[in-house]
Protein backbone atom coordinates (compact mmCIF):
# COMPACT_ATOMS: atom_id res chain seq x y z
CA MET A 1 100.05 137.57 55.13
CA THR A 2 100.73 135.38 58.16
CA LEU A 3 103.83 133.19 58.43
CA SER A 4 101.62 130.09 58.49
CA MET A 5 99.89 131.08 55.24
CA THR A 6 103.22 131.93 53.61
CA ARG A 7 104.70 128.57 54.53
CA ARG A 8 101.62 126.73 53.28
CA LEU A 9 101.85 128.53 49.95
CA LEU A 10 105.48 127.47 49.65
CA LEU A 11 104.50 123.93 50.60
CA ALA A 12 101.80 123.95 47.96
CA ALA A 13 104.38 125.06 45.40
CA ALA A 14 106.68 122.23 46.42
CA PHE A 15 103.89 119.70 45.97
CA SER A 16 102.80 121.07 42.63
CA THR A 17 106.33 121.17 41.19
CA ALA A 18 106.67 117.51 42.08
CA GLY A 19 103.44 116.62 40.36
CA PHE A 20 101.45 116.02 43.55
CA ALA A 21 98.25 117.62 44.67
CA ALA A 22 98.77 120.53 47.02
CA ALA A 23 97.57 120.52 50.60
CA PRO A 24 94.42 122.53 51.27
CA LEU A 25 95.47 125.99 52.38
CA ALA A 26 92.63 126.26 54.86
CA SER A 27 94.33 123.78 57.18
CA ALA A 28 97.81 123.95 58.65
CA ALA A 29 98.10 120.16 58.86
CA THR A 30 100.41 118.50 56.36
CA PRO A 31 99.02 115.70 54.16
CA ALA A 32 98.77 112.28 55.79
CA LYS A 33 101.09 110.57 53.29
CA ALA A 34 103.71 113.31 53.19
CA LEU A 35 106.43 114.26 55.63
CA VAL A 36 107.44 117.93 55.59
CA VAL A 37 110.85 118.73 57.07
CA ALA A 38 111.83 122.33 57.84
CA GLN A 39 115.58 122.82 57.72
CA SER A 40 118.30 124.63 55.80
CA ILE A 41 119.31 122.91 52.56
CA ASP A 42 121.55 125.77 51.47
CA ASP A 43 124.62 123.58 51.91
CA ALA A 44 123.66 121.19 49.10
CA VAL A 45 126.21 121.15 46.28
CA SER A 46 125.39 117.90 44.49
CA PHE A 47 123.13 114.87 44.93
CA ASP A 48 125.56 112.69 43.00
CA PRO A 49 126.92 110.28 45.66
CA ALA A 50 130.32 110.51 43.99
CA GLU A 51 130.37 114.24 44.75
CA GLY A 52 127.90 115.19 47.49
CA PHE A 53 129.70 115.74 50.76
CA GLU A 54 127.43 118.04 52.73
CA LEU A 55 124.92 117.44 55.51
CA THR A 56 121.81 117.73 53.34
CA THR A 57 123.21 115.48 50.62
CA VAL A 58 124.62 112.72 52.83
CA GLN A 59 121.36 112.61 54.78
CA THR A 60 119.56 112.11 51.48
CA PHE A 61 121.81 109.31 50.15
CA ASN A 62 120.68 106.69 52.68
CA ASN A 63 117.11 107.23 51.52
CA VAL A 64 117.79 107.27 47.78
CA TYR A 65 120.69 104.84 47.31
CA GLN A 66 121.98 101.58 48.70
CA ARG A 67 125.54 100.33 49.04
CA LEU A 68 126.82 96.78 48.95
CA VAL A 69 126.87 96.91 52.75
CA GLU A 70 125.76 99.46 55.32
CA SER A 71 126.24 100.41 58.95
CA ASP A 72 123.64 98.97 61.29
CA ARG A 73 121.06 101.61 62.19
CA LYS A 74 121.26 100.93 65.94
CA ASP A 75 124.97 100.18 66.19
CA GLY A 76 127.02 101.90 63.51
CA THR A 77 130.12 99.85 64.30
CA LYS A 78 128.37 96.75 62.90
CA ILE A 79 128.22 96.15 59.15
CA VAL A 80 125.14 94.49 57.69
CA PRO A 81 124.02 93.47 54.17
CA ALA A 82 122.38 95.96 51.82
CA ILE A 83 122.58 95.24 48.07
CA ALA A 84 124.95 92.37 48.83
CA GLY A 85 123.23 89.35 50.27
CA SER A 86 126.55 87.97 51.49
CA TRP A 87 130.30 88.39 51.04
CA LYS A 88 133.50 86.46 51.49
CA ALA A 89 137.03 87.69 52.12
CA GLY A 90 139.84 86.29 49.97
CA GLU A 91 142.69 84.31 51.50
CA ASP A 92 145.10 87.00 50.34
CA GLY A 93 143.51 89.47 52.76
CA LYS A 94 143.12 92.01 49.95
CA SER A 95 139.93 90.99 48.22
CA LEU A 96 136.19 90.63 48.83
CA THR A 97 133.64 88.78 46.73
CA PHE A 98 130.02 89.94 47.04
CA GLU A 99 126.86 88.10 46.08
CA ILE A 100 124.22 90.53 44.87
CA GLY A 101 120.83 89.98 46.47
CA LYS A 102 118.17 88.49 44.24
CA ASN A 103 115.69 91.27 45.06
CA ALA A 104 118.09 94.14 44.36
CA VAL A 105 116.31 96.37 41.82
CA PHE A 106 116.78 100.00 40.85
CA ALA A 107 113.91 102.50 40.79
CA SER A 108 113.97 102.23 36.99
CA GLY A 109 113.09 98.53 37.27
CA ASN A 110 116.56 97.48 36.11
CA PRO A 111 118.05 94.70 38.25
CA VAL A 112 121.27 95.51 40.11
CA ARG A 113 124.13 93.77 38.29
CA PRO A 114 127.86 93.32 38.91
CA GLU A 115 128.32 95.82 36.06
CA ASP A 116 126.50 98.47 38.10
CA VAL A 117 128.80 97.93 41.07
CA ILE A 118 131.87 98.19 38.82
CA PHE A 119 130.54 101.29 37.07
CA SER A 120 129.60 103.02 40.34
CA LEU A 121 132.89 102.52 42.16
CA ALA A 122 135.03 103.21 39.08
CA ARG A 123 133.19 106.45 38.20
CA ALA A 124 133.48 107.67 41.79
CA VAL A 125 137.25 107.25 41.69
CA LYS A 126 137.69 108.64 38.17
CA LEU A 127 135.52 111.71 38.80
CA ASN A 128 137.84 112.47 41.72
CA LYS A 129 135.42 114.77 43.51
CA SER A 130 135.77 115.78 47.16
CA PRO A 131 134.93 112.38 48.76
CA ALA A 132 137.12 110.37 46.33
CA PHE A 133 139.90 110.12 48.91
CA ILE A 134 137.78 107.56 50.78
CA LEU A 135 138.06 104.99 47.99
CA ASN A 136 141.65 106.07 47.35
CA GLU A 137 142.39 104.44 50.72
CA LEU A 138 142.22 101.08 48.93
CA GLY A 139 144.97 102.16 46.57
CA TRP A 140 142.44 102.81 43.82
CA THR A 141 143.26 105.64 41.42
CA ALA A 142 141.82 106.61 38.06
CA GLU A 143 144.54 104.50 36.46
CA THR A 144 144.26 101.42 38.71
CA VAL A 145 140.63 101.12 39.81
CA ASP A 146 139.45 99.13 36.77
CA ALA A 147 141.92 96.36 37.62
CA GLY A 148 140.42 96.13 41.11
CA LEU A 149 136.84 95.49 39.97
CA LYS A 150 135.85 92.20 38.36
CA LYS A 151 132.59 90.51 37.40
CA VAL A 152 132.74 86.88 38.54
CA ASP A 153 129.35 85.87 37.15
CA ASP A 154 125.88 87.38 36.82
CA SER A 155 125.39 87.55 40.59
CA HIS A 156 128.92 87.98 41.97
CA VAL A 157 131.45 90.80 41.86
CA GLN A 158 134.99 90.81 43.23
CA LEU A 159 136.86 93.79 44.64
CA THR A 160 140.63 93.70 45.07
CA TRP A 161 143.00 96.36 46.33
CA THR A 162 146.70 97.08 46.64
CA ALA A 163 146.73 99.15 49.84
CA ASP A 164 148.08 97.44 52.93
CA VAL A 165 144.71 97.20 54.67
CA GLY A 166 142.49 94.25 55.51
CA PRO A 167 138.92 93.24 54.55
CA ALA A 168 137.38 94.67 57.74
CA PHE A 169 138.66 98.16 56.89
CA ALA A 170 137.62 97.76 53.25
CA LEU A 171 134.08 96.90 54.37
CA ALA A 172 134.00 100.03 56.54
CA LEU A 173 134.97 102.14 53.53
CA LEU A 174 132.19 100.58 51.49
CA THR A 175 129.57 101.86 53.94
CA ALA A 176 130.44 105.46 52.99
CA PRO A 177 127.99 107.41 50.78
CA ILE A 178 130.52 107.56 47.91
CA ALA A 179 130.20 103.76 47.64
CA SER A 180 126.49 104.05 46.74
CA ILE A 181 125.54 101.93 43.73
CA VAL A 182 123.97 103.77 40.80
CA ASP A 183 122.05 102.39 37.83
CA GLU A 184 124.59 102.29 34.98
CA LYS A 185 121.93 102.00 32.27
CA ALA A 186 119.92 104.97 33.58
CA VAL A 187 122.96 107.17 34.18
CA SER A 188 124.53 106.36 30.81
CA GLU A 189 121.55 107.96 29.07
CA HIS A 190 122.57 111.29 30.59
CA VAL A 191 126.33 111.30 30.11
CA SER A 192 127.79 114.51 28.76
CA GLY A 193 131.35 114.22 27.49
CA ASP A 194 133.46 112.51 30.12
CA ASP A 195 131.31 113.48 33.14
CA PHE A 196 129.99 109.94 33.81
CA GLY A 197 126.52 111.45 34.19
CA ASN A 198 127.64 113.78 36.99
CA GLY A 199 125.82 116.79 35.56
CA TRP A 200 122.51 114.92 35.59
CA LEU A 201 122.99 113.22 38.97
CA LYS A 202 123.59 116.57 40.64
CA THR A 203 119.81 117.04 40.72
CA ASN A 204 118.44 113.58 39.92
CA SER A 205 118.78 110.05 41.27
CA ALA A 206 119.36 106.55 39.93
CA GLY A 207 119.38 104.33 42.98
CA SER A 208 117.66 101.40 44.64
CA GLY A 209 116.76 103.10 47.92
CA ALA A 210 113.32 103.66 49.42
CA PHE A 211 112.88 107.01 47.65
CA VAL A 212 113.78 108.82 44.43
CA ILE A 213 114.47 112.50 43.87
CA SER A 214 111.23 113.79 42.37
CA LYS A 215 112.13 117.46 42.28
CA TYR A 216 114.93 119.67 43.48
CA ARG A 217 115.03 123.43 43.42
CA PRO A 218 118.27 124.80 44.92
CA HIS A 219 117.70 126.85 48.08
CA GLU A 220 113.95 126.11 47.90
CA ALA A 221 112.96 122.47 48.31
CA LEU A 222 113.95 118.85 47.76
CA VAL A 223 111.08 116.44 47.13
CA LEU A 224 111.60 112.69 47.55
CA GLY A 225 108.97 110.36 46.11
CA ALA A 226 108.40 106.75 47.17
CA ASN A 227 110.28 104.15 45.11
CA GLU A 228 107.65 101.53 44.28
CA LYS A 229 110.39 99.11 43.20
CA ALA A 230 112.24 99.26 46.54
CA ALA A 231 112.78 96.00 48.38
CA HIS A 232 111.68 97.79 51.55
CA LYS A 233 108.89 100.12 50.49
CA PRO A 234 108.44 103.33 52.49
CA LYS A 235 105.26 104.03 54.43
CA LEU A 236 105.05 107.58 53.08
CA GLU A 237 104.41 108.71 49.51
CA ARG A 238 106.83 111.60 49.70
CA VAL A 239 109.22 113.56 51.89
CA ILE A 240 109.67 117.30 51.35
CA LEU A 241 112.76 119.02 52.69
CA GLN A 242 111.68 122.64 52.66
CA ASN A 243 114.49 125.20 52.81
CA VAL A 244 113.83 127.44 55.80
CA PRO A 245 117.06 129.34 56.52
CA ASP A 246 115.68 131.13 59.57
CA ALA A 247 115.59 128.90 62.66
CA GLY A 248 112.80 130.95 64.21
CA SER A 249 110.61 130.29 61.20
CA ARG A 250 111.32 126.55 61.48
CA ARG A 251 110.14 126.61 65.06
CA LEU A 252 106.89 128.34 64.12
CA GLN A 253 106.30 125.94 61.25
CA VAL A 254 106.52 122.81 63.39
CA GLU A 255 104.48 124.43 66.18
CA GLN A 256 101.71 125.44 63.79
CA GLY A 257 101.62 122.13 61.93
CA ASP A 258 103.07 123.46 58.67
CA ALA A 259 106.01 121.07 59.14
CA ASP A 260 106.25 117.63 60.70
CA ILE A 261 109.94 117.87 61.60
CA ALA A 262 112.24 120.83 62.27
CA ARG A 263 116.03 120.70 62.43
CA GLY A 264 118.69 123.20 63.43
CA LEU A 265 116.82 125.15 66.08
CA GLY A 266 118.84 127.26 68.51
CA ALA A 267 119.13 126.47 72.20
CA ASP A 268 116.69 129.25 73.19
CA GLN A 269 114.13 127.97 70.71
CA ILE A 270 114.50 124.41 71.98
CA ASP A 271 114.07 125.58 75.58
CA ALA A 272 110.90 127.44 74.65
CA ILE A 273 109.40 124.68 72.55
CA LYS A 274 109.99 122.06 75.26
CA LYS A 275 107.44 123.89 77.43
CA GLU A 276 104.69 123.13 74.94
CA ASP A 277 102.81 119.88 74.45
CA LYS A 278 102.48 120.17 70.67
CA VAL A 279 105.81 118.60 69.74
CA THR A 280 108.48 116.14 70.87
CA VAL A 281 112.16 117.03 71.10
CA LEU A 282 114.39 114.10 70.17
CA SER A 283 118.01 114.34 71.36
CA VAL A 284 120.38 112.28 69.22
CA PRO A 285 124.10 111.80 69.96
CA SER A 286 126.12 113.00 66.99
CA ALA A 287 129.60 112.26 65.66
CA ARG A 288 129.85 115.82 64.29
CA THR A 289 132.86 117.79 65.49
CA ASP A 290 133.08 121.58 65.14
CA TYR A 291 136.48 123.13 64.49
CA LEU A 292 138.23 126.35 63.54
CA LEU A 293 140.21 126.08 60.29
CA ILE A 294 143.17 128.40 59.69
CA ASN A 295 144.58 128.96 56.21
CA THR A 296 148.34 129.08 56.74
CA LYS A 297 148.83 130.07 53.08
CA ALA A 298 146.67 133.20 53.36
CA ASN A 299 149.35 135.50 54.78
CA GLU A 300 152.46 135.63 56.97
CA THR A 301 150.49 136.12 60.20
CA LEU A 302 148.26 133.08 59.71
CA GLY A 303 151.24 131.05 58.52
CA ASN A 304 153.04 131.67 61.80
CA PRO A 305 152.56 128.58 64.06
CA ALA A 306 152.14 130.95 67.01
CA PHE A 307 148.79 132.09 65.62
CA ALA A 308 147.20 128.63 65.80
CA GLN A 309 148.78 128.00 69.19
CA ALA A 310 147.34 131.23 70.56
CA ALA A 311 143.95 130.46 69.03
CA ARG A 312 143.68 127.39 71.27
CA TYR A 313 143.54 129.73 74.26
CA LEU A 314 141.14 132.25 72.72
CA ILE A 315 138.10 129.99 72.68
CA ASP A 316 135.56 129.98 75.51
CA TYR A 317 134.89 126.24 75.25
CA GLU A 318 132.76 126.02 78.39
CA GLY A 319 130.84 129.19 77.65
CA ILE A 320 130.00 128.06 74.12
CA THR A 321 128.85 124.56 75.02
CA LYS A 322 127.19 125.10 78.39
CA ASN A 323 125.82 128.64 78.13
CA LEU A 324 125.22 129.27 74.42
CA LEU A 325 124.50 125.81 72.99
CA ARG A 326 122.81 124.23 75.96
CA GLY A 327 122.31 120.55 75.25
CA GLN A 328 123.46 120.87 71.63
CA SER A 329 127.17 120.21 72.09
CA LYS A 330 129.89 119.38 74.60
CA VAL A 331 133.55 120.35 74.79
CA HIS A 332 135.65 118.07 72.60
CA GLN A 333 139.19 118.90 71.50
CA ALA A 334 140.29 115.94 69.37
CA PHE A 335 139.56 114.83 65.81
CA LEU A 336 137.96 111.50 66.79
CA PRO A 337 134.45 111.93 68.23
CA GLU A 338 133.44 110.16 71.41
CA GLY A 339 131.99 106.77 70.48
CA PHE A 340 134.75 105.92 68.00
CA PRO A 341 137.56 103.50 68.91
CA GLY A 342 140.61 105.37 70.17
CA ALA A 343 138.80 108.68 70.77
CA LEU A 344 140.76 111.07 73.00
CA ASN A 345 138.50 112.76 75.51
CA ASP A 346 140.96 114.99 77.37
CA THR A 347 140.48 118.78 77.14
CA PRO A 348 143.88 120.44 77.66
CA PHE A 349 142.86 123.93 76.48
CA LYS A 350 140.73 126.61 78.09
CA LEU A 351 140.13 130.32 77.58
CA ASP A 352 143.26 132.20 78.70
CA VAL A 353 143.59 135.56 76.93
CA GLU A 354 146.80 136.60 78.69
CA LYS A 355 148.51 133.36 77.74
CA ALA A 356 147.38 133.81 74.13
CA LYS A 357 148.75 137.36 74.07
CA LYS A 358 152.14 136.12 75.27
CA ILE A 359 152.23 133.39 72.63
CA LEU A 360 151.46 135.96 69.93
CA ALA A 361 154.10 138.38 71.20
CA ASP A 362 156.76 135.67 71.61
CA GLY A 363 155.98 134.50 68.07
CA GLY A 364 156.50 137.99 66.64
CA ILE A 365 152.84 138.56 65.71
CA LYS A 366 151.88 142.21 66.08
CA THR A 367 148.33 143.18 67.01
CA PRO A 368 145.78 144.49 66.27
CA VAL A 369 145.24 142.42 63.16
CA LYS A 370 142.11 141.96 61.03
CA VAL A 371 141.12 138.51 59.82
CA GLU A 372 138.33 137.59 57.38
CA PHE A 373 136.01 134.99 58.94
CA PRO A 374 133.44 133.41 56.56
CA VAL A 375 130.81 131.44 58.49
CA PHE A 376 127.71 129.40 57.66
CA ASN A 377 124.69 131.69 57.96
CA GLU A 378 122.90 129.31 60.33
CA GLN A 379 123.01 127.91 63.83
CA PRO A 380 124.97 126.86 65.78
CA PHE A 381 127.77 128.38 63.69
CA LEU A 382 126.74 132.02 63.97
CA THR A 383 126.47 131.71 67.74
CA ILE A 384 129.91 130.10 67.98
CA ALA A 385 131.37 132.71 65.60
CA GLN A 386 130.08 135.59 67.71
CA SER A 387 131.67 134.10 70.80
CA LEU A 388 134.97 133.68 68.97
CA GLN A 389 134.80 137.25 67.69
CA SER A 390 134.49 138.48 71.26
CA THR A 391 137.31 136.41 72.78
CA PHE A 392 139.75 136.80 69.88
CA GLY A 393 139.10 140.53 70.00
CA GLN A 394 140.39 140.63 73.58
CA ALA A 395 143.81 139.60 72.22
CA GLY A 396 143.77 142.14 69.40
CA ILE A 397 142.58 139.77 66.66
CA GLN A 398 139.58 141.32 64.94
CA LEU A 399 137.50 138.58 63.32
CA GLU A 400 135.36 140.01 60.53
CA ILE A 401 132.39 137.65 60.42
CA GLN A 402 131.16 137.11 56.86
CA PRO A 403 127.91 135.08 56.97
CA GLY A 404 127.25 133.13 53.80
CA VAL A 405 125.32 130.27 52.24
CA ALA A 406 126.92 127.01 53.32
CA SER A 407 127.65 125.82 49.78
CA ASP A 408 129.62 129.02 49.12
CA ILE A 409 131.56 128.72 52.38
CA TYR A 410 132.50 125.14 51.46
CA ALA A 411 133.67 126.28 48.04
CA ARG A 412 135.86 129.00 49.55
CA GLY A 413 137.43 126.51 51.95
CA ARG A 414 138.15 123.93 49.28
CA SER A 415 139.68 126.52 46.95
CA GLY A 416 141.77 128.15 49.68
CA LYS A 417 139.96 131.49 49.35
CA TYR A 418 139.55 132.13 53.07
CA GLN A 419 141.62 133.20 56.06
CA ILE A 420 139.85 131.56 58.98
CA THR A 421 136.57 129.69 58.81
CA LEU A 422 134.38 127.66 61.14
CA ARG A 423 133.63 124.17 59.90
CA TYR A 424 132.25 120.84 61.07
CA TRP A 425 133.41 117.36 60.22
CA ILE A 426 131.27 114.26 59.97
CA PRO A 427 132.87 110.79 59.71
CA ASP A 428 132.23 109.09 56.39
CA TYR A 429 132.32 105.60 57.87
CA PHE A 430 132.68 104.02 61.31
CA ASP A 431 136.44 103.70 61.57
CA PRO A 432 139.00 106.08 63.15
CA HIS A 433 140.73 106.47 59.81
CA SER A 434 137.70 108.28 58.43
CA ASN A 435 138.73 111.37 60.41
CA ALA A 436 142.46 110.71 60.61
CA SER A 437 142.74 110.58 56.82
CA ALA A 438 141.31 114.11 56.60
CA PHE A 439 143.16 115.82 59.43
CA ALA A 440 146.44 113.90 59.66
CA ILE A 441 147.42 113.18 56.05
CA ASN A 442 149.05 115.57 53.59
CA LYS A 443 152.37 114.31 52.30
CA ASP A 444 152.68 116.53 49.25
CA ASN A 445 149.34 118.25 48.54
CA SER A 446 148.27 115.43 46.24
CA ALA A 447 145.19 114.47 48.29
CA ASN A 448 142.22 116.78 48.94
CA THR A 449 142.30 116.64 52.74
CA VAL A 450 141.53 119.25 55.40
CA ALA A 451 145.26 119.41 56.11
CA LYS A 452 145.83 120.42 52.49
CA GLN A 453 143.10 123.07 52.70
CA ALA A 454 144.93 124.49 55.70
CA GLY A 455 148.23 124.48 53.79
CA TRP A 456 149.79 122.09 56.31
CA VAL A 457 152.24 119.62 54.71
CA ILE A 458 152.97 116.80 57.19
CA PRO A 459 154.85 113.85 55.65
CA GLU A 460 155.90 112.37 59.02
CA ILE A 461 152.43 112.56 60.58
CA SER A 462 151.00 111.19 57.32
CA GLU A 463 153.25 108.13 57.64
CA GLU A 464 152.16 107.65 61.26
CA THR A 465 148.53 107.80 60.14
CA LEU A 466 149.08 105.23 57.39
CA ALA A 467 150.77 102.95 59.91
CA ALA A 468 147.78 103.23 62.24
CA VAL A 469 145.29 102.14 59.60
CA LYS A 470 147.39 99.05 58.83
CA GLU A 471 147.60 97.93 62.46
CA GLN A 472 145.37 94.90 63.06
CA ASP A 473 145.61 94.69 66.87
CA PRO A 474 142.69 96.82 68.22
CA ALA A 475 144.49 97.92 71.41
CA LYS A 476 147.66 98.93 69.58
CA ARG A 477 145.61 100.69 66.92
CA ALA A 478 143.71 102.72 69.53
CA GLU A 479 147.04 103.69 71.09
CA LEU A 480 148.36 104.93 67.75
CA TYR A 481 145.28 107.07 67.18
CA GLY A 482 145.61 108.50 70.68
CA LYS A 483 149.15 109.64 69.84
CA LEU A 484 148.01 111.13 66.53
CA GLN A 485 145.27 113.13 68.23
CA LYS A 486 147.81 114.54 70.70
CA GLU A 487 150.04 115.67 67.83
CA ILE A 488 147.14 117.33 66.04
CA GLN A 489 146.06 119.07 69.24
CA GLU A 490 149.52 120.58 69.69
CA LYS A 491 150.57 121.42 66.14
CA ALA A 492 147.70 121.64 63.67
CA PRO A 493 146.38 124.88 62.09
CA TYR A 494 142.90 123.84 63.21
CA VAL A 495 141.35 123.79 66.63
CA PHE A 496 138.62 121.37 67.66
CA ILE A 497 135.98 123.00 69.82
CA SER A 498 133.03 120.70 70.43
CA GLN A 499 131.12 117.56 69.54
CA GLY A 500 127.54 118.08 68.55
CA ALA A 501 124.29 116.58 69.75
CA ASP A 502 121.35 116.87 67.36
CA GLN A 503 118.03 118.04 68.71
CA VAL A 504 115.27 117.20 66.25
CA VAL A 505 111.75 118.53 66.82
CA LEU A 506 108.96 116.13 65.80
CA GLY A 507 105.26 116.69 65.49
CA LYS A 508 103.31 114.54 67.95
CA ASN A 509 101.91 112.42 65.14
CA VAL A 510 105.32 111.48 63.66
CA LYS A 511 106.19 107.85 64.37
CA ASP A 512 109.31 105.70 63.88
CA TYR A 513 111.73 108.42 62.82
CA VAL A 514 115.28 107.02 63.10
CA GLN A 515 118.59 108.86 63.24
CA GLY A 516 121.95 107.36 64.14
CA LEU A 517 125.27 108.62 65.49
CA ASN A 518 126.70 109.44 62.08
CA ALA A 519 125.28 112.27 59.99
CA ASP A 520 124.22 110.15 57.02
CA GLN A 521 122.17 107.87 59.29
CA VAL A 522 118.84 109.62 58.73
CA TYR A 523 116.07 107.26 57.67
CA TYR A 524 112.58 108.11 56.42
CA ASP A 525 111.47 104.71 55.11
CA ASP A 526 109.69 103.55 58.29
CA VAL A 527 108.24 106.95 59.24
CA SER A 528 104.47 107.19 59.42
CA LYS A 529 101.96 109.76 60.69
C-alpha cells in the first residue's frame, strides 16, 4: 500500500470517528471545508486549559476557548478585548472590573456569565496543575482565590489580588491559556469527586471559541468542529490535527495533497520542499527557547556546579543553528527570547572542549561518566541531541540518548525522574516575568518551576525576580531582567542553546493562516481553501 493511500485511510478514519463523511479515497485532495494538519501530537497531556501546558494543547486553546482579554494577533505586546467588552482598573491598583460582552456565548448556547469567570479562574488555581503558578503570581492560592473573585452584577465581574503587582501585569497574566473561561454549567455535569470536571475536560471542551473538540484519540488525531454559536464563526467546518510522528511522512503528505499544512519538518526536508512549486513555506519568528536541563538531585556528579559550568562549553551553538537547523533557530543563551522587553542577546559561550575538561577536572569530576538523556522523539530535538552527544563525548561525558514520546518526557522531567534532558520553553504571556518566574524562582520548592525540577533552590535570586516584576519603570525593569539573565547564564543547572523559528508548510490553496510570535498564537478561524 502506498504512503498516500495509507494516509488517506487514516484521514477517512479521523473523519468517520468525528461523525463526518470521509473524503473519497480516489483523490488525494482534502475536503474543501476541512483543514488537515500533519504534525506530532504526541506531547498532548490534557486539553483542560487549567492543565494543558504542551505545544499541541496551547495551540488548540486559542481556537477552542476565549479569555477575558487576549494578546493582539499582530502585536502580542498589545492586549485587546475577548470575552470582556471593556475593563477598568481600580484606584487601589490591585483590582480590575470587567464588563462581559453581550454576544459572549458558549458552544452549548449558555451565555457567558460572571459566575463562569469566577468558576474558571478559581478551579484553575484549586486544581493546582502545572500552569497554576501563572495565576499564583497574583497572590491567589486555593485558600485565597475565592476572596479575589466577585460578581458585581449580571454583566460585570471584579478581580482583586494581594500580590504587589499592578493592573498592567495582571492583564498580561489573564492572556495566558490557563485563564481561559469554561462553561460552568456544562463542566459541572461531568464533575467526578473534587476534580472540577478535569477528567472530562482532558479530552472534551466547554468554551466559546471558534471551534469545539469533536473527537480526540491520543497519538492518533484531534478533530475540531466549527462552533456555530461563536461570535466569530470559522470559515471551515473542521480542522483535523493528524498525528504523524515521522517528519518525512509529513513532508510527503503535504506534497501529495493528503494534508493542507505540515509542521515540524527538518531543515533538509524544508530545503528540498522549497524547490517545488506545490507548497508555500511560511517562516514565523518564535519565542520558543531550547535549553538543556540538568537534574542536580540525580547524583553527586550532576549536583556538582562544575558539571553545568562545563556543559556551557560542550555545546556547538553555531554548528547546531547554522549547519544542522538551517533557518529554524539562532543562537540564544538567555531565558528571555528576542522580542521581549529586557531580552539579553549576548552569547558569551562557545564550544571549547579543552576548557570544559579543565572545569570538570578542577571541580573533582572524574570521567568517563555515563548520563541518561531522555529526548523528544521528534525534530529538532533529536538533531540537537545527537550533536550534544558528540561534543559531550569529547570531554568524557557519554550521553545515552533515550528517545521517547513527548508526553512521557515531560512527565519524567516534572517528577524528577531524569538526569539530563533537552527541553523547550514557551512564554505563557507577553511579559518578561513569564519566563523569569519559571527559571529564576525557587525559594523553598513550594512552586512547580523549572528551577525546582532542576533541584536548584535560589532564595536570593527569587527575591530579585519578585522585585523585578514589581518595578513599574520600564527602563529600570529591563535593567533588572538583564541582571537576572546574567546570573542564570553563569550559575543555573540549565543551559540555553537557541531561539526557534517556525517553518510551516502550507498547501498552495490555504489562505489566511495566522501564527504569532508566541506558541499559543495559532489561529484557524479565518483559514479558507
